[in-house]
Structure formats: C-alpha cells, structure tokens
C-alpha cells in the first residue's frame, strides 16, 4: 500500500507545522484548498486557527457541501479551531459546524490568549492556545486525554479531535499525529 496522503485545510491557521509530524509518522503531507485537491488526499486535518474566519472562508469559497461529503467519507482530525468546526454543537457563542463529532465545543473555554500554556499529554508537550472545552461526548466517543475532567483529545471511529496543538513541539512525530496516520492506514485497508 502506498503512503497515505494527509491533507491539511490551508484556508487559515497553523498548516505547515504539521508536515514534519505527518512525514515522520509515515504519510505524505499536502496543503489543500480546492475541491480538486480534496480528491487527491486520503484524510484531512482541520488545523488550529480562528474558527469563525475559517467558516467565512469555507462559505466564501463555496466549500461547505464538498467538505461535508469529504468528511463523511474520509478520516478527519480537528485541532483546536478545527475541533470546533467538527463538533455537533458549538457554544460561546453558537456557530455553524459540520457536526462530525458527537460533542459540544465551548469556544475559548480555557480563557484568552494570556491563559495559554504548555502541558504534557502522555509525556508529550502540547500547547493550549485559546483552546475550546469539549463537553457532553456521546458514549461511543473514546476519550484519550482529559484536563480538569473535560476531554481534550477524543476519537470517534475514523475521526479525531484535540483541543491542543501538538504540531508546535519539534519532536517528530507527535503521538497524536502517529495515531491519526495509523487511523488513516487502517481506514484505507478496511
């Protein structure tokens, strides 16, 4: 089986920092913006950034329907803002989302930029930057890490979300990228 190609939605946010992690985990990386590029990849990363800005760009470029179709068919990992876009419900304030993951995302749940911090998740340093809080996960959701009793890293079948940024740590690959690449490989052979 050839290396899977992981596409990072490159409309806004932290994109290129994922490349060394994805490549070290045994996959190819591609920044993607167009429907034609979406057909060339096996899975998506929705990066950290600003979820409302990403939403505006998705709608301005008329990508909502094609992304919904792609997310139904391919694995997707939402990171920070990306996890907000994947949540079934978004609060603080409410906003449109793809509803891929059965969870509620509370925007800026851990506070403002000044409350950002680095913590270890499974011995690996990750950055919480204006991170959302994930609440009310469906019972089928696998909770991979919690902080203050709330999920920060979850998996639901082929889909994953983390409220933190593992891509900002220069120890390649992160355990999160490794897990996602393994999910993609298993999905491709299923």
Protein backbone atom coordinates (compact mmCIF):
# COMPACT_ATOMS: atom_id res chain seq x y z
CA UNK A 1 0.00 0.00 0.00
CA UNK A 2 1.38 3.44 -0.90
CA UNK A 3 1.83 6.08 1.78
CA UNK A 4 -1.46 7.76 2.60
CA UNK A 5 -1.72 11.45 1.76
CA UNK A 6 -2.94 13.64 4.62
CA UNK A 7 -4.34 16.99 3.54
CA UNK A 8 -4.32 19.98 5.85
CA UNK A 9 -7.06 22.51 5.03
CA UNK A 10 -4.98 25.58 4.22
CA UNK A 11 -7.52 28.39 4.29
CA UNK A 12 -6.30 29.87 7.59
CA UNK A 13 -4.38 28.73 10.64
CA UNK A 14 -1.37 26.59 11.51
CA UNK A 15 -0.77 24.39 8.45
CA UNK A 16 2.89 23.74 7.57
CA UNK A 17 3.92 22.79 11.11
CA UNK A 18 2.07 19.50 10.55
CA UNK A 19 4.30 18.45 7.65
CA UNK A 20 7.30 17.09 9.63
CA UNK A 21 4.98 15.25 12.03
CA UNK A 22 2.96 13.61 9.25
CA UNK A 23 6.06 12.66 7.26
CA UNK A 24 7.81 11.25 10.36
CA UNK A 25 4.68 9.17 11.06
CA UNK A 26 4.88 7.53 7.62
CA UNK A 27 2.48 9.52 5.45
CA UNK A 28 2.68 12.28 2.85
CA UNK A 29 1.55 15.82 3.63
CA UNK A 30 -0.32 18.18 1.33
CA UNK A 31 -1.77 21.63 2.00
CA UNK A 32 -5.20 21.72 0.33
CA UNK A 33 -7.68 24.47 -0.54
CA UNK A 34 -9.75 23.31 -3.52
CA UNK A 35 -12.24 20.56 -4.30
CA UNK A 36 -9.83 19.15 -6.91
CA UNK A 37 -7.11 18.85 -4.24
CA UNK A 38 -9.55 17.17 -1.84
CA UNK A 39 -9.86 14.27 -4.29
CA UNK A 40 -6.06 13.76 -4.12
CA UNK A 41 -5.91 13.07 -0.38
CA UNK A 42 -6.89 10.21 1.92
CA UNK A 43 -7.68 12.24 5.07
CA UNK A 44 -7.97 15.76 6.45
CA UNK A 45 -6.50 17.83 9.24
CA UNK A 46 -8.57 20.87 10.16
CA UNK A 47 -5.85 22.98 11.79
CA UNK A 48 -5.85 25.34 14.70
CA UNK A 49 -6.53 28.97 13.88
CA UNK A 50 -9.71 31.02 14.16
CA UNK A 51 -12.89 29.01 13.61
CA UNK A 52 -15.09 31.96 12.61
CA UNK A 53 -12.55 33.08 10.00
CA UNK A 54 -12.31 29.52 8.67
CA UNK A 55 -16.11 29.35 8.44
CA UNK A 56 -16.26 32.59 6.47
CA UNK A 57 -13.61 31.36 4.04
CA UNK A 58 -15.30 27.96 3.64
CA UNK A 59 -18.54 29.73 2.79
CA UNK A 60 -16.90 32.42 0.60
CA UNK A 61 -15.19 29.74 -1.50
CA UNK A 62 -18.37 27.61 -1.57
CA UNK A 63 -16.65 24.60 0.04
CA UNK A 64 -19.25 23.66 2.66
CA UNK A 65 -21.03 20.92 0.70
CA UNK A 66 -17.89 19.32 -0.74
CA UNK A 67 -16.19 19.33 2.68
CA UNK A 68 -19.29 17.74 4.27
CA UNK A 69 -19.14 14.97 1.65
CA UNK A 70 -15.40 14.50 2.12
CA UNK A 71 -15.66 14.36 5.92
CA UNK A 72 -18.36 11.70 5.65
CA UNK A 73 -16.05 9.55 3.51
CA UNK A 74 -12.54 10.23 4.87
CA UNK A 75 -10.89 10.43 8.29
CA UNK A 76 -10.64 13.92 9.72
CA UNK A 77 -8.78 15.35 12.70
CA UNK A 78 -9.80 18.73 14.08
CA UNK A 79 -7.23 20.62 16.13
CA UNK A 80 -8.34 23.47 18.43
CA UNK A 81 -10.37 25.61 15.98
CA UNK A 82 -10.72 22.51 13.82
CA UNK A 83 -12.29 20.64 16.72
CA UNK A 84 -14.87 23.43 16.99
CA UNK A 85 -15.70 23.06 13.29
CA UNK A 86 -16.20 19.29 13.73
CA UNK A 87 -18.38 19.47 16.87
CA UNK A 88 -22.08 18.72 16.73
CA UNK A 89 -22.86 21.78 18.89
CA UNK A 90 -20.82 24.98 19.36
CA UNK A 91 -21.35 27.44 22.22
CA UNK A 92 -19.86 30.75 23.46
CA UNK A 93 -21.19 31.90 21.01
CA UNK A 94 -23.13 29.38 18.95
CA UNK A 95 -21.91 28.97 15.39
CA UNK A 96 -22.32 26.69 12.41
CA UNK A 97 -20.29 23.46 12.40
CA UNK A 98 -20.02 20.23 10.41
CA UNK A 99 -21.43 18.06 13.21
CA UNK A 100 -18.97 15.25 12.53
CA UNK A 101 -18.21 14.53 16.20
CA UNK A 102 -20.96 13.96 18.78
CA UNK A 103 -19.64 16.50 21.28
CA UNK A 104 -20.26 20.12 22.33
CA UNK A 105 -17.40 22.61 21.89
CA UNK A 106 -17.25 25.69 24.11
CA UNK A 107 -15.11 28.27 22.32
CA UNK A 108 -12.20 29.80 24.31
CA UNK A 109 -13.20 27.55 27.20
CA UNK A 110 -9.79 27.72 28.87
CA UNK A 111 -9.60 31.51 28.61
CA UNK A 112 -7.96 34.12 26.46
CA UNK A 113 -4.52 34.21 24.86
CA UNK A 114 -2.89 35.16 28.18
CA UNK A 115 -4.14 31.90 29.73
CA UNK A 116 -2.39 29.82 27.06
CA UNK A 117 0.01 27.20 28.40
CA UNK A 118 2.08 24.14 27.58
CA UNK A 119 1.26 20.87 29.33
CA UNK A 120 2.29 17.25 28.84
CA UNK A 121 -0.18 14.82 27.28
CA UNK A 122 1.09 11.25 27.57
CA UNK A 123 4.58 12.65 28.19
CA UNK A 124 4.48 14.89 25.08
CA UNK A 125 4.37 18.70 25.39
CA UNK A 126 1.37 20.31 23.71
CA UNK A 127 0.14 23.90 23.58
CA UNK A 128 -3.28 25.07 24.71
CA UNK A 129 -3.89 28.38 22.90
CA UNK A 130 -7.35 29.91 23.46
CA UNK A 131 -8.46 26.29 23.48
CA UNK A 132 -12.07 25.15 23.42
CA UNK A 133 -13.52 22.84 26.03
CA UNK A 134 -15.22 19.70 24.74
CA UNK A 135 -18.23 18.53 26.74
CA UNK A 136 -21.08 16.03 26.52
CA UNK A 137 -19.37 13.43 24.32
CA UNK A 138 -21.61 10.59 23.16
CA UNK A 139 -21.00 7.32 24.98
CA UNK A 140 -19.31 5.81 21.90
CA UNK A 141 -16.59 8.50 21.89
CA UNK A 142 -13.19 7.30 23.08
CA UNK A 143 -11.65 9.85 25.44
CA UNK A 144 -7.87 9.75 25.01
CA UNK A 145 -6.98 12.58 27.41
CA UNK A 146 -8.74 14.89 29.87
CA UNK A 147 -7.86 18.15 31.57
CA UNK A 148 -9.79 19.27 34.64
CA UNK A 149 -12.22 16.44 33.97
CA UNK A 150 -13.03 17.58 30.40
CA UNK A 151 -11.96 15.72 27.24
CA UNK A 152 -9.09 17.33 25.35
CA UNK A 153 -8.34 14.53 22.89
CA UNK A 154 -11.09 12.28 21.55
CA UNK A 155 -11.68 9.70 18.87
CA UNK A 156 -14.90 8.57 17.25
CA UNK A 157 -14.14 5.83 14.72
CA UNK A 158 -12.13 7.35 11.88
CA UNK A 159 -12.38 10.88 13.29
CA UNK A 160 -10.36 12.59 15.98
CA UNK A 161 -10.23 15.96 17.75
CA UNK A 162 -7.77 17.64 20.07
CA UNK A 163 -8.24 20.98 21.77
CA UNK A 164 -4.46 21.46 21.94
CA UNK A 165 -1.68 21.94 19.38
CA UNK A 166 0.82 19.04 19.19
CA UNK A 167 2.33 20.38 15.95
CA UNK A 168 4.15 23.20 17.76
CA UNK A 169 6.53 20.78 19.52
CA UNK A 170 9.62 19.88 17.49
CA UNK A 171 9.82 16.22 18.48
CA UNK A 172 8.59 14.37 15.40
CA UNK A 173 6.15 12.71 15.15
CA UNK A 174 3.79 13.59 17.97
CA UNK A 175 1.82 10.66 19.42
CA UNK A 176 -1.32 12.34 18.09
CA UNK A 177 -0.01 12.53 14.51
CA UNK A 178 1.16 8.91 14.76
CA UNK A 179 -2.29 7.79 15.91
CA UNK A 180 -4.03 9.71 13.13
CA UNK A 181 -1.76 8.25 10.44
CA UNK A 182 -2.50 4.76 11.80
CA UNK A 183 -6.24 5.50 11.69
CA UNK A 184 -5.88 6.61 8.06
CA UNK A 185 -3.89 3.49 7.12
CA UNK A 186 -6.44 1.19 8.76
CA UNK A 187 -9.33 3.04 7.10
CA UNK A 188 -7.67 2.70 3.69
CA UNK A 189 -7.31 -1.08 4.06
CA UNK A 190 -10.78 -1.66 5.53
